[in-house]
Amino acid sequence: MTRLSPEESILVGMLQTEGMKLGAVHVTAQRWTDSPQGRLFSVTAEDTPCGVWLAESDWQQWCEGILGTASEQDVDAQLLAGVALWGLSPLLQASGAKLHNGPGEPRRCSMLSQYVALVFAWQIDGYAFRCVLFGWPTTWFRAIARQVGPGVRPVRILPPVAFDCYAGWCQASIHELASIGPGTGLRMSPFGRPREGELVVLLATGSAARIRIEEGGDVKIEALVNDMESLLAEDSDRAGPASPLSYHLDALPQKLLVEVGQIDIALGTLRTLREGDLIATEARLSPDVKLRLNGRVIGEGELIACGESYLVRVTQWFVHPSDAQSIGEDTVNT
């Protein structure tokens, strides 16, 4: 799913912690974690085709409460379309958007992990709805921003957002993922010099930052990178020879990010972040690490250093042999 538009980012920074009212809809900024599941509805706003993402749990509770079931196969398509229109009506009325109920709607769709977004929430007869908008016209967000006048601007600093820190990455093939378990050792390729506080932070905007934790705890931004994929490609080039032109599916290499902790960055600081900036913040680091693949935690372990070499000893592993095929399919479809 797409990232925040510049207009949405500006609005996120303008909103108070408690958000604002837009008719019957409450607008606030929220950080999504662990790739929550949801449904994507197709709408048209200001003659622009766009989408409304609704949390899966909200959609299921609404359908079960109104229809007695959340299974689309057990419900007439026209009836389901009417229930969807009723549920989204506060947002549609506040925005003037039009809902489309085509074949296969609403589609299943997961939210990006570590994603800060504008959340539009409301209630109908005690049922809660939480939505994120995708592809909406920028003029609509500008119109909302104009309603955030001086009288309702924040009078205090917004609470900081915690971002994950990574020391490096481990590589394993799809076949090897199925055989890893507690006690397995995985060699880690560091992003820098972890002993000297050099780490990588994945930011909410999708970009990544190389950081150095200075004496006293301040964090220096060493470099900004467009995305984590570019960073991994850059480090892979330094770590070894060029990759072969083709792979067998089971041998397809997967890069597991080694998460070693978190740092807090204020949203206002995040919007103006530049290389060379020194941020007064607190880093919470630990030798107990998490192993992430495509944003999901698939294992936990201990980071062990020997000179300039690093190893992750796996203590918990959440991938079962039957999951390896689905990982391969996700890789093919990426």
C-alpha atoms as a PDB file:
ATOM      1  CA  MET A   1       0.000   0.000   0.000  1.00  0.00           C
ATOM      2  CA  THR A   2       1.163   3.530  -0.727  1.00  0.00           C
ATOM      3  CA  ARG A   3       2.910   5.831   1.723  1.00  0.00           C
ATOM      4  CA  LEU A   4       1.798   9.136   3.214  1.00  0.00           C
ATOM      5  CA  SER A   5       1.401  11.985   0.738  1.00  0.00           C
ATOM      6  CA  PRO A   6       3.113  15.304   1.600  1.00  0.00           C
ATOM      7  CA  GLU A   7      -0.314  16.844   2.324  1.00  0.00           C
ATOM      8  CA  GLU A   8      -1.160  14.038   4.761  1.00  0.00           C
ATOM      9  CA  SER A   9       2.236  14.388   6.463  1.00  0.00           C
ATOM     10  CA  ILE A  10       1.614  18.100   7.015  1.00  0.00           C
ATOM     11  CA  LEU A  11      -1.819  17.365   8.473  1.00  0.00           C
ATOM     12  CA  VAL A  12      -0.347  14.700  10.784  1.00  0.00           C
ATOM     13  CA  GLY A  13       2.046  17.301  12.182  1.00  0.00           C
ATOM     14  CA  MET A  14      -0.729  19.874  12.643  1.00  0.00           C
ATOM     15  CA  LEU A  15      -3.147  17.656  14.551  1.00  0.00           C
ATOM     16  CA  GLN A  16      -3.227  17.604  18.309  1.00  0.00           C
ATOM     17  CA  THR A  17      -2.682  14.300  20.084  1.00  0.00           C
ATOM     18  CA  GLU A  18      -6.454  13.991  20.567  1.00  0.00           C
ATOM     19  CA  GLY A  19      -7.154  14.759  16.886  1.00  0.00           C
ATOM     20  CA  MET A  20     -10.063  16.769  15.468  1.00  0.00           C
ATOM     21  CA  LYS A  21     -13.731  16.380  14.517  1.00  0.00           C
ATOM     22  CA  LEU A  22     -14.882  16.296  10.897  1.00  0.00           C
ATOM     23  CA  GLY A  23     -18.648  16.049  11.115  1.00  0.00           C
ATOM     24  CA  ALA A  24     -19.397  12.675  12.709  1.00  0.00           C
ATOM     25  CA  VAL A  25     -15.845  11.503  11.976  1.00  0.00           C
ATOM     26  CA  HIS A  26     -12.867  11.810  14.320  1.00  0.00           C
ATOM     27  CA  VAL A  27      -9.474  12.355  12.641  1.00  0.00           C
ATOM     28  CA  THR A  28      -6.201  11.523  14.383  1.00  0.00           C
ATOM     29  CA  ALA A  29      -2.686  10.263  13.617  1.00  0.00           C
ATOM     30  CA  GLN A  30      -1.923   6.670  14.525  1.00  0.00           C
ATOM     31  CA  ARG A  31       1.014   4.315  14.051  1.00  0.00           C
ATOM     32  CA  TRP A  32       0.147   0.839  12.732  1.00  0.00           C
ATOM     33  CA  THR A  33       2.349  -2.116  13.671  1.00  0.00           C
ATOM     34  CA  ASP A  34       2.562  -5.793  12.696  1.00  0.00           C
ATOM     35  CA  SER A  35       0.782  -5.302   9.328  1.00  0.00           C
ATOM     36  CA  PRO A  36      -2.877  -5.412  10.505  1.00  0.00           C
ATOM     37  CA  GLN A  37      -5.391  -7.016   8.150  1.00  0.00           C
ATOM     38  CA  GLY A  38      -8.268  -5.061   6.655  1.00  0.00           C
ATOM     39  CA  ARG A  39     -10.658  -4.537   3.742  1.00  0.00           C
ATOM     40  CA  LEU A  40     -10.177  -2.093   0.875  1.00  0.00           C
ATOM     41  CA  PHE A  41     -13.299  -0.385  -0.503  1.00  0.00           C
ATOM     42  CA  SER A  42     -13.247   1.407  -3.862  1.00  0.00           C
ATOM     43  CA  VAL A  43     -14.617   4.968  -3.835  1.00  0.00           C
ATOM     44  CA  THR A  44     -14.547   8.109  -5.941  1.00  0.00           C
ATOM     45  CA  ALA A  45     -13.702  11.434  -4.275  1.00  0.00           C
ATOM     46  CA  GLU A  46     -13.696  14.653  -6.314  1.00  0.00           C
ATOM     47  CA  ASP A  47     -13.756  12.541  -9.522  1.00  0.00           C
ATOM     48  CA  THR A  48     -10.633  10.679  -8.351  1.00  0.00           C
ATOM     49  CA  PRO A  49     -10.714   6.859  -7.979  1.00  0.00           C
ATOM     50  CA  CYS A  50      -9.325   6.029  -4.544  1.00  0.00           C
ATOM     51  CA  GLY A  51      -9.693   3.623  -1.641  1.00  0.00           C
ATOM     52  CA  VAL A  52     -10.849   3.315   1.960  1.00  0.00           C
ATOM     53  CA  TRP A  53      -9.055   0.736   4.131  1.00  0.00           C
ATOM     54  CA  LEU A  54     -11.151  -0.556   7.059  1.00  0.00           C
ATOM     55  CA  ALA A  55      -9.669  -2.664   9.865  1.00  0.00           C
ATOM     56  CA  GLU A  56     -10.682  -6.333   9.455  1.00  0.00           C
ATOM     57  CA  SER A  57     -11.835  -6.653  13.074  1.00  0.00           C
ATOM     58  CA  ASP A  58     -14.179  -3.661  12.659  1.00  0.00           C
ATOM     59  CA  TRP A  59     -15.633  -5.060   9.416  1.00  0.00           C
ATOM     60  CA  GLN A  60     -16.221  -8.520  10.916  1.00  0.00           C
ATOM     61  CA  GLN A  61     -17.904  -7.168  14.050  1.00  0.00           C
ATOM     62  CA  TRP A  62     -20.136  -4.917  11.945  1.00  0.00           C
ATOM     63  CA  CYS A  63     -21.195  -7.747   9.602  1.00  0.00           C
ATOM     64  CA  GLU A  64     -21.747 -10.215  12.442  1.00  0.00           C
ATOM     65  CA  GLY A  65     -23.811  -7.674  14.367  1.00  0.00           C
ATOM     66  CA  ILE A  66     -25.985  -6.650  11.402  1.00  0.00           C
ATOM     67  CA  LEU A  67     -26.073  -9.837   9.295  1.00  0.00           C
ATOM     68  CA  GLY A  68     -25.245 -12.515  11.835  1.00  0.00           C
ATOM     69  CA  THR A  69     -22.186 -13.607   9.834  1.00  0.00           C
ATOM     70  CA  ALA A  70     -18.989 -12.135   8.389  1.00  0.00           C
ATOM     71  CA  SER A  71     -18.809 -14.730   5.581  1.00  0.00           C
ATOM     72  CA  GLU A  72     -19.450 -13.105   2.183  1.00  0.00           C
ATOM     73  CA  GLN A  73     -20.435 -16.495   0.731  1.00  0.00           C
ATOM     74  CA  ASP A  74     -23.439 -16.662   3.069  1.00  0.00           C
ATOM     75  CA  VAL A  75     -24.771 -13.172   2.256  1.00  0.00           C
ATOM     76  CA  ASP A  76     -26.451 -11.772  -0.861  1.00  0.00           C
ATOM     77  CA  ALA A  77     -24.083  -9.397  -2.669  1.00  0.00           C
ATOM     78  CA  GLN A  78     -26.627  -6.560  -2.797  1.00  0.00           C
ATOM     79  CA  LEU A  79     -27.357  -6.919   0.912  1.00  0.00           C
ATOM     80  CA  LEU A  80     -23.631  -6.868   1.709  1.00  0.00           C
ATOM     81  CA  ALA A  81     -23.218  -3.752  -0.441  1.00  0.00           C
ATOM     82  CA  GLY A  82     -25.992  -2.031   1.506  1.00  0.00           C
ATOM     83  CA  VAL A  83     -24.382  -2.934   4.816  1.00  0.00           C
ATOM     84  CA  ALA A  84     -21.039  -1.551   3.574  1.00  0.00           C
ATOM     85  CA  LEU A  85     -22.704   1.688   2.456  1.00  0.00           C
ATOM     86  CA  TRP A  86     -24.388   2.062   5.844  1.00  0.00           C
ATOM     87  CA  GLY A  87     -21.144   1.410   7.739  1.00  0.00           C
ATOM     88  CA  LEU A  88     -19.125   3.920   5.692  1.00  0.00           C
ATOM     89  CA  SER A  89     -21.900   6.531   5.514  1.00  0.00           C
ATOM     90  CA  PRO A  90     -20.386   8.966   8.105  1.00  0.00           C
ATOM     91  CA  LEU A  91     -17.131   9.151   6.119  1.00  0.00           C
ATOM     92  CA  LEU A  92     -18.940   9.383   2.772  1.00  0.00           C
ATOM     93  CA  GLN A  93     -21.150  12.214   4.070  1.00  0.00           C
ATOM     94  CA  ALA A  94     -18.176  14.113   5.516  1.00  0.00           C
ATOM     95  CA  SER A  95     -16.153  13.805   2.307  1.00  0.00           C
ATOM     96  CA  GLY A  96     -18.783  13.722  -0.439  1.00  0.00           C
ATOM     97  CA  ALA A  97     -17.194  10.517  -1.759  1.00  0.00           C
ATOM     98  CA  LYS A  98     -19.149   7.785  -3.558  1.00  0.00           C
ATOM     99  CA  LEU A  99     -18.808   4.078  -2.759  1.00  0.00           C
ATOM    100  CA  HIS A 100     -18.482   1.525  -5.582  1.00  0.00           C
ATOM    101  CA  ASN A 101     -19.536  -2.074  -4.980  1.00  0.00           C
ATOM    102  CA  GLY A 102     -17.902  -4.013  -7.788  1.00  0.00           C
ATOM    103  CA  PRO A 103     -17.242  -7.771  -7.989  1.00  0.00           C
ATOM    104  CA  GLY A 104     -14.927  -8.983  -5.239  1.00  0.00           C
ATOM    105  CA  GLU A 105     -15.465  -5.873  -3.106  1.00  0.00           C
ATOM    106  CA  PRO A 106     -14.303  -5.266  -0.484  1.00  0.00           C
ATOM    107  CA  ARG A 107     -10.845  -6.730  -1.127  1.00  0.00           C
ATOM    108  CA  ARG A 108      -8.619  -8.116   1.607  1.00  0.00           C
ATOM    109  CA  CYS A 109      -5.579  -5.919   2.155  1.00  0.00           C
ATOM    110  CA  SER A 110      -3.001  -5.564   4.946  1.00  0.00           C
ATOM    111  CA  MET A 111      -1.600  -2.301   6.261  1.00  0.00           C
ATOM    112  CA  LEU A 112       2.106  -1.533   6.048  1.00  0.00           C
ATOM    113  CA  SER A 113       4.052  -2.257   9.194  1.00  0.00           C
ATOM    114  CA  GLN A 114       5.541   0.694  11.145  1.00  0.00           C
ATOM    115  CA  TYR A 115       3.203   3.063   9.294  1.00  0.00           C
ATOM    116  CA  VAL A 116       2.012   6.426  10.647  1.00  0.00           C
ATOM    117  CA  ALA A 117      -1.267   7.395   8.994  1.00  0.00           C
ATOM    118  CA  LEU A 118      -4.309   9.602   9.362  1.00  0.00           C
ATOM    119  CA  VAL A 119      -7.055   7.481  10.901  1.00  0.00           C
ATOM    120  CA  PHE A 120     -10.710   8.404  10.341  1.00  0.00           C
ATOM    121  CA  ALA A 121     -12.894   6.882  13.062  1.00  0.00           C
ATOM    122  CA  TRP A 122     -16.594   6.904  13.957  1.00  0.00           C
ATOM    123  CA  GLN A 123     -19.278   4.785  15.588  1.00  0.00           C
ATOM    124  CA  ILE A 124     -22.682   3.514  14.475  1.00  0.00           C
ATOM    125  CA  ASP A 125     -24.949   1.931  17.097  1.00  0.00           C
ATOM    126  CA  GLY A 126     -21.941   1.110  19.264  1.00  0.00           C
ATOM    127  CA  TYR A 127     -19.883  -0.412  16.432  1.00  0.00           C
ATOM    128  CA  ALA A 128     -16.463   1.193  15.941  1.00  0.00           C
ATOM    129  CA  PHE A 129     -14.928   1.941  12.531  1.00  0.00           C
ATOM    130  CA  ARG A 130     -11.270   2.846  11.873  1.00  0.00           C
ATOM    131  CA  CYS A 131     -10.287   3.742   8.315  1.00  0.00           C
ATOM    132  CA  VAL A 132      -7.210   4.898   6.397  1.00  0.00           C
ATOM    133  CA  LEU A 133      -7.578   6.662   3.035  1.00  0.00           C
ATOM    134  CA  PHE A 134      -5.432   5.828   0.005  1.00  0.00           C
ATOM    135  CA  GLY A 135      -5.046   7.767  -3.211  1.00  0.00           C
ATOM    136  CA  TRP A 136      -7.415  10.549  -2.166  1.00  0.00           C
ATOM    137  CA  PRO A 137      -7.102  13.965  -3.850  1.00  0.00           C
ATOM    138  CA  THR A 138      -4.579  16.210  -2.134  1.00  0.00           C
ATOM    139  CA  THR A 139      -7.043  19.117  -2.238  1.00  0.00           C
ATOM    140  CA  TRP A 140      -9.249  17.271   0.234  1.00  0.00           C
ATOM    141  CA  PHE A 141      -6.445  17.003   2.810  1.00  0.00           C
ATOM    142  CA  ARG A 142      -5.580  20.668   2.266  1.00  0.00           C
ATOM    143  CA  ALA A 143      -9.222  21.553   2.984  1.00  0.00           C
ATOM    144  CA  ILE A 144      -9.051  19.660   6.286  1.00  0.00           C
ATOM    145  CA  ALA A 145      -5.746  21.340   7.167  1.00  0.00           C
ATOM    146  CA  ARG A 146      -7.367  24.757   6.720  1.00  0.00           C
ATOM    147  CA  GLN A 147      -9.859  23.800   9.436  1.00  0.00           C
ATOM    148  CA  VAL A 148      -7.018  23.291  11.926  1.00  0.00           C
ATOM    149  CA  GLY A 149      -6.879  26.938  12.925  1.00  0.00           C
ATOM    150  CA  PRO A 150      -4.628  28.629  15.495  1.00  0.00           C
ATOM    151  CA  GLY A 151      -7.237  28.034  18.172  1.00  0.00           C
ATOM    152  CA  VAL A 152      -6.898  24.255  17.915  1.00  0.00           C
ATOM    153  CA  ARG A 153      -3.207  23.904  17.089  1.00  0.00           C
ATOM    154  CA  PRO A 154      -1.082  21.952  19.569  1.00  0.00           C
ATOM    155  CA  VAL A 155      -0.061  23.872  22.663  1.00  0.00           C
ATOM    156  CA  ARG A 156       2.375  21.175  23.725  1.00  0.00           C
ATOM    157  CA  ILE A 157       4.959  19.001  22.042  1.00  0.00           C
ATOM    158  CA  LEU A 158       3.531  15.895  20.424  1.00  0.00           C
ATOM    159  CA  PRO A 159       4.677  12.674  22.080  1.00  0.00           C
ATOM    160  CA  PRO A 160       7.605  11.063  20.266  1.00  0.00           C
ATOM    161  CA  VAL A 161       7.206   7.958  18.132  1.00  0.00           C
ATOM    162  CA  ALA A 162       9.321   4.865  18.768  1.00  0.00           C
ATOM    163  CA  PHE A 163      11.236   3.570  15.740  1.00  0.00           C
ATOM    164  CA  ASP A 164      12.982   0.217  15.495  1.00  0.00           C
ATOM    165  CA  CYS A 165      16.793   0.068  15.354  1.00  0.00           C
ATOM    166  CA  TYR A 166      18.627  -2.572  13.334  1.00  0.00           C
ATOM    167  CA  ALA A 167      22.220  -3.700  13.782  1.00  0.00           C
ATOM    168  CA  GLY A 168      22.427  -5.676  10.545  1.00  0.00           C
ATOM    169  CA  TRP A 169      20.936  -8.569   8.629  1.00  0.00           C
ATOM    170  CA  CYS A 170      21.201 -12.344   8.347  1.00  0.00           C
ATOM    171  CA  GLN A 171      20.732 -14.235   5.109  1.00  0.00           C
ATOM    172  CA  ALA A 172      19.001 -17.591   4.709  1.00  0.00           C
ATOM    173  CA  SER A 173      17.345 -19.361   1.802  1.00  0.00           C
ATOM    174  CA  ILE A 174      13.693 -20.385   1.854  1.00  0.00           C
ATOM    175  CA  HIS A 175      14.832 -23.985   2.336  1.00  0.00           C
ATOM    176  CA  GLU A 176      17.031 -22.988   5.279  1.00  0.00           C
ATOM    177  CA  LEU A 177      14.205 -21.035   6.946  1.00  0.00           C
ATOM    178  CA  ALA A 178      12.280 -24.289   7.331  1.00  0.00           C
ATOM    179  CA  SER A 179      15.176 -25.968   9.180  1.00  0.00           C
ATOM    180  CA  ILE A 180      16.129 -23.143  11.577  1.00  0.00           C
ATOM    181  CA  GLY A 181      15.227 -23.604  15.234  1.00  0.00           C
ATOM    182  CA  PRO A 182      16.316 -22.725  18.785  1.00  0.00           C
ATOM    183  CA  GLY A 183      20.075 -23.038  19.073  1.00  0.00           C
ATOM    184  CA  THR A 184      20.771 -22.281  15.410  1.00  0.00           C
ATOM    185  CA  GLY A 185      23.472 -19.680  14.795  1.00  0.00           C
ATOM    186  CA  LEU A 186      23.016 -17.134  11.997  1.00  0.00           C
ATOM    187  CA  ARG A 187      25.905 -14.948  10.862  1.00  0.00           C
ATOM    188  CA  MET A 188      24.958 -11.269  10.917  1.00  0.00           C
ATOM    189  CA  SER A 189      26.272  -8.760   8.391  1.00  0.00           C
ATOM    190  CA  PRO A 190      26.380  -5.451  10.317  1.00  0.00           C
ATOM    191  CA  PHE A 191      25.154  -2.188   8.802  1.00  0.00           C
ATOM    192  CA  GLY A 192      28.149  -0.430  10.335  1.00  0.00           C
ATOM    193  CA  ARG A 193      30.131  -0.798  13.550  1.00  0.00           C
ATOM    194  CA  PRO A 194      27.567  -1.763  16.217  1.00  0.00           C
ATOM    195  CA  ARG A 195      30.164  -1.561  19.004  1.00  0.00           C
ATOM    196  CA  GLU A 196      30.548   2.155  18.184  1.00  0.00           C
ATOM    197  CA  GLY A 197      26.802   2.759  18.126  1.00  0.00           C
ATOM    198  CA  GLU A 198      26.346   2.606  14.344  1.00  0.00           C
ATOM    199  CA  LEU A 199      22.854   1.299  13.554  1.00  0.00           C
ATOM    200  CA  VAL A 200      20.030   1.763  11.056  1.00  0.00           C
ATOM    201  CA  VAL A 201      16.552   3.119  11.818  1.00  0.00           C
ATOM    202  CA  LEU A 202      13.546   2.423   9.579  1.00  0.00           C
ATOM    203  CA  LEU A 203      11.468   5.625   9.584  1.00  0.00           C
ATOM    204  CA  ALA A 204       7.698   5.945   9.227  1.00  0.00           C
ATOM    205  CA  THR A 205       8.040   7.597   5.821  1.00  0.00           C
ATOM    206  CA  GLY A 206       9.548   4.392   4.421  1.00  0.00           C
ATOM    207  CA  SER A 207      13.044   5.830   4.289  1.00  0.00           C
ATOM    208  CA  ALA A 208      15.916   4.572   6.412  1.00  0.00           C
ATOM    209  CA  ALA A 209      18.595   6.416   8.340  1.00  0.00           C
ATOM    210  CA  ARG A 210      22.108   5.396   9.282  1.00  0.00           C
ATOM    211  CA  ILE A 211      22.646   6.642  12.839  1.00  0.00           C
ATOM    212  CA  ARG A 212      25.429   6.809  15.401  1.00  0.00           C
ATOM    213  CA  ILE A 213      24.665   6.843  19.115  1.00  0.00           C
ATOM    214  CA  GLU A 214      27.058   9.400  20.587  1.00  0.00           C
ATOM    215  CA  GLU A 215      28.457   9.526  24.099  1.00  0.00           C
ATOM    216  CA  GLY A 216      25.762  10.908  26.350  1.00  0.00           C
ATOM    217  CA  GLY A 217      22.993   9.190  24.398  1.00  0.00           C
ATOM    218  CA  ASP A 218      22.400  11.716  21.601  1.00  0.00           C
ATOM    219  CA  VAL A 219      21.774  10.249  18.147  1.00  0.00           C
ATOM    220  CA  LYS A 220      23.533  11.616  15.053  1.00  0.00           C
ATOM    221  CA  ILE A 221      21.997  11.124  11.603  1.00  0.00           C
ATOM    222  CA  GLU A 222      24.908   9.873   9.488  1.00  0.00           C
ATOM    223  CA  ALA A 223      22.975   9.338   6.227  1.00  0.00           C
ATOM    224  CA  LEU A 224      19.431   9.112   4.853  1.00  0.00           C
ATOM    225  CA  VAL A 225      18.502   6.374   2.376  1.00  0.00           C
ATOM    226  CA  ASN A 226      15.366   6.170   0.218  1.00  0.00           C
ATOM    227  CA  ASP A 227      14.290   2.777   1.558  1.00  0.00           C
ATOM    228  CA  MET A 228      15.526  -0.313   3.356  1.00  0.00           C
ATOM    229  CA  GLU A 229      15.831  -2.256   0.083  1.00  0.00           C
ATOM    230  CA  SER A 230      18.387   0.248  -1.216  1.00  0.00           C
ATOM    231  CA  LEU A 231      20.306  -0.002   2.047  1.00  0.00           C
ATOM    232  CA  LEU A 232      20.348  -3.805   1.934  1.00  0.00           C
ATOM    233  CA  ALA A 233      21.478  -3.767  -1.699  1.00  0.00           C
ATOM    234  CA  GLU A 234      24.259  -1.314  -0.817  1.00  0.00           C
ATOM    235  CA  ASP A 235      25.496  -3.451   2.071  1.00  0.00           C
ATOM    236  CA  SER A 236      25.138  -6.678   0.063  1.00  0.00           C
ATOM    237  CA  ASP A 237      27.456  -5.269  -2.605  1.00  0.00           C
ATOM    238  CA  ARG A 238      30.084  -4.627   0.073  1.00  0.00           C
ATOM    239  CA  ALA A 239      29.524  -7.933   1.835  1.00  0.00           C
ATOM    240  CA  GLY A 240      30.276 -10.283  -1.043  1.00  0.00           C
ATOM    241  CA  PRO A 241      30.419 -11.068  -4.775  1.00  0.00           C
ATOM    242  CA  ALA A 242      27.631 -10.284  -7.207  1.00  0.00           C
ATOM    243  CA  SER A 243      24.501 -12.430  -6.984  1.00  0.00           C
ATOM    244  CA  PRO A 244      23.920 -15.129  -9.630  1.00  0.00           C
ATOM    245  CA  LEU A 245      21.538 -14.344 -12.461  1.00  0.00           C
ATOM    246  CA  SER A 246      19.069 -17.059 -11.448  1.00  0.00           C
ATOM    247  CA  TYR A 247      18.068 -19.062  -8.377  1.00  0.00           C
ATOM    248  CA  HIS A 248      16.147 -22.207  -7.628  1.00  0.00           C
ATOM    249  CA  LEU A 249      13.078 -21.125  -5.625  1.00  0.00           C
ATOM    250  CA  ASP A 250      14.165 -22.990  -2.470  1.00  0.00           C
ATOM    251  CA  ALA A 251      17.586 -21.337  -2.676  1.00  0.00           C
ATOM    252  CA  LEU A 252      16.203 -17.815  -3.049  1.00  0.00           C
ATOM    253  CA  PRO A 253      18.023 -15.720  -0.403  1.00  0.00           C
ATOM    254  CA  GLN A 254      15.959 -13.934   2.240  1.00  0.00           C
ATOM    255  CA  LYS A 255      17.383 -11.113   4.360  1.00  0.00           C
ATOM    256  CA  LEU A 256      16.313 -11.107   8.011  1.00  0.00           C
ATOM    257  CA  LEU A 257      16.690  -7.747   9.730  1.00  0.00           C
ATOM    258  CA  VAL A 258      18.180  -7.904  13.228  1.00  0.00           C
ATOM    259  CA  GLU A 259      16.231  -5.547  15.505  1.00  0.00           C
ATOM    260  CA  VAL A 260      18.181  -4.547  18.616  1.00  0.00           C
ATOM    261  CA  GLY A 261      15.914  -1.907  20.174  1.00  0.00           C
ATOM    262  CA  GLN A 262      14.158   1.402  19.586  1.00  0.00           C
ATOM    263  CA  ILE A 263      14.716   5.150  19.660  1.00  0.00           C
ATOM    264  CA  ASP A 264      12.152   7.934  20.092  1.00  0.00           C
ATOM    265  CA  ILE A 265      11.851  10.697  17.481  1.00  0.00           C
ATOM    266  CA  ALA A 266       9.320  13.531  17.664  1.00  0.00           C
ATOM    267  CA  LEU A 267       7.067  13.894  14.612  1.00  0.00           C
ATOM    268  CA  GLY A 268       8.163  17.498  14.195  1.00  0.00           C
ATOM    269  CA  THR A 269      11.802  16.423  14.111  1.00  0.00           C
ATOM    270  CA  LEU A 270      11.000  13.620  11.673  1.00  0.00           C
ATOM    271  CA  ARG A 271       9.555  16.036   9.097  1.00  0.00           C
ATOM    272  CA  THR A 272      12.742  18.136   9.006  1.00  0.00           C
ATOM    273  CA  LEU A 273      15.313  15.386   9.461  1.00  0.00           C
ATOM    274  CA  ARG A 274      18.626  16.040   7.683  1.00  0.00           C
ATOM    275  CA  GLU A 275      22.012  14.335   7.470  1.00  0.00           C
ATOM    276  CA  GLY A 276      24.260  15.574  10.256  1.00  0.00           C
ATOM    277  CA  ASP A 277      21.385  16.345  12.656  1.00  0.00           C
ATOM    278  CA  LEU A 278      22.024  15.566  16.325  1.00  0.00           C
ATOM    279  CA  ILE A 279      18.871  14.429  18.132  1.00  0.00           C
ATOM    280  CA  ALA A 280      18.531  14.504  21.888  1.00  0.00           C
ATOM    281  CA  THR A 281      16.711  11.233  22.460  1.00  0.00           C
ATOM    282  CA  GLU A 282      16.934   7.947  24.293  1.00  0.00           C
ATOM    283  CA  ALA A 283      17.970   4.665  22.682  1.00  0.00           C
ATOM    284  CA  ARG A 284      16.682   1.473  24.279  1.00  0.00           C
ATOM    285  CA  LEU A 285      19.011  -1.302  23.105  1.00  0.00           C
ATOM    286  CA  SER A 286      19.393  -4.922  24.145  1.00  0.00           C
ATOM    287  CA  PRO A 287      21.459  -7.986  23.172  1.00  0.00           C
ATOM    288  CA  ASP A 288      18.115  -9.809  22.933  1.00  0.00           C
ATOM    289  CA  VAL A 289      17.091  -9.284  19.310  1.00  0.00           C
ATOM    290  CA  LYS A 290      14.148  -9.874  17.006  1.00  0.00           C
ATOM    291  CA  LEU A 291      14.486 -11.256  13.489  1.00  0.00           C
ATOM    292  CA  ARG A 292      12.151  -9.617  10.979  1.00  0.00           C
ATOM    293  CA  LEU A 293      11.267 -10.740   7.450  1.00  0.00           C
ATOM    294  CA  ASN A 294       9.076  -8.415   5.367  1.00  0.00           C
ATOM    295  CA  GLY A 295       8.217  -6.488   8.532  1.00  0.00           C
ATOM    296  CA  ARG A 296       7.066  -9.531  10.514  1.00  0.00           C
ATOM    297  CA  VAL A 297       8.862 -11.014  13.519  1.00  0.00           C
ATOM    298  CA  ILE A 298       9.738 -14.603  12.617  1.00  0.00           C
ATOM    299  CA  GLY A 299      12.212 -15.285  15.400  1.00  0.00           C
ATOM    300  CA  GLU A 300      14.059 -14.046  18.467  1.00  0.00           C
ATOM    301  CA  GLY A 301      17.632 -14.536  19.571  1.00  0.00           C
ATOM    302  CA  GLU A 302      20.781 -13.274  21.255  1.00  0.00           C
ATOM    303  CA  LEU A 303      23.387 -11.130  19.508  1.00  0.00           C
ATOM    304  CA  ILE A 304      26.893 -12.462  20.110  1.00  0.00           C
ATOM    305  CA  ALA A 305      30.026 -10.542  19.102  1.00  0.00           C
ATOM    306  CA  CYS A 306      33.475 -11.990  18.536  1.00  0.00           C
ATOM    307  CA  GLY A 307      35.881  -9.303  17.410  1.00  0.00           C
ATOM    308  CA  GLU A 308      34.354  -7.754  14.302  1.00  0.00           C
ATOM    309  CA  SER A 309      32.172 -10.813  13.622  1.00  0.00           C
ATOM    310  CA  TYR A 310      28.581 -11.115  14.821  1.00  0.00           C
ATOM    311  CA  LEU A 311      26.279 -14.076  15.309  1.00  0.00           C
ATOM    312  CA  VAL A 312      22.614 -14.342  16.242  1.00  0.00           C
ATOM    313  CA  ARG A 313      21.856 -17.427  18.322  1.00  0.00           C
ATOM    314  CA  VAL A 314      18.183 -18.241  17.783  1.00  0.00           C
ATOM    315  CA  THR A 315      16.176 -18.718  21.000  1.00  0.00           C
ATOM    316  CA  GLN A 316      12.674 -18.768  19.487  1.00  0.00           C
ATOM    317  CA  TRP A 317      11.614 -19.517  15.908  1.00  0.00           C
ATOM    318  CA  PHE A 318       8.106 -18.943  14.595  1.00  0.00           C
ATOM    319  CA  VAL A 319       8.442 -20.364  11.068  1.00  0.00           C
ATOM    320  CA  HIS A 320       7.186 -23.919  10.630  1.00  0.00           C
ATOM    321  CA  PRO A 321       8.198 -26.111   7.670  1.00  0.00           C
ATOM    322  CA  SER A 322       4.732 -25.668   6.158  1.00  0.00           C
ATOM    323  CA  ASP A 323       5.238 -21.876   6.145  1.00  0.00           C
ATOM    324  CA  ALA A 324       8.259 -22.002   3.832  1.00  0.00           C
ATOM    325  CA  GLN A 325       6.108 -22.427   0.719  1.00  0.00           C
ATOM    326  CA  SER A 326       3.994 -19.378   1.588  1.00  0.00           C
ATOM    327  CA  ILE A 327       7.180 -17.348   2.116  1.00  0.00           C
ATOM    328  CA  GLY A 328       8.311 -18.375  -1.344  1.00  0.00           C
ATOM    329  CA  GLU A 329       4.965 -17.362  -2.844  1.00  0.00           C
ATOM    330  CA  ASP A 330       5.141 -13.971  -1.102  1.00  0.00           C
ATOM    331  CA  THR A 331       8.629 -13.474  -2.530  1.00  0.00           C
ATOM    332  CA  VAL A 332       7.474 -14.324  -6.057  1.00  0.00           C
ATOM    333  CA  ASN A 333       4.544 -11.910  -5.802  1.00  0.00           C
ATOM    334  CA  THR A 334       6.613  -9.043  -4.364  1.00  0.00           C
END
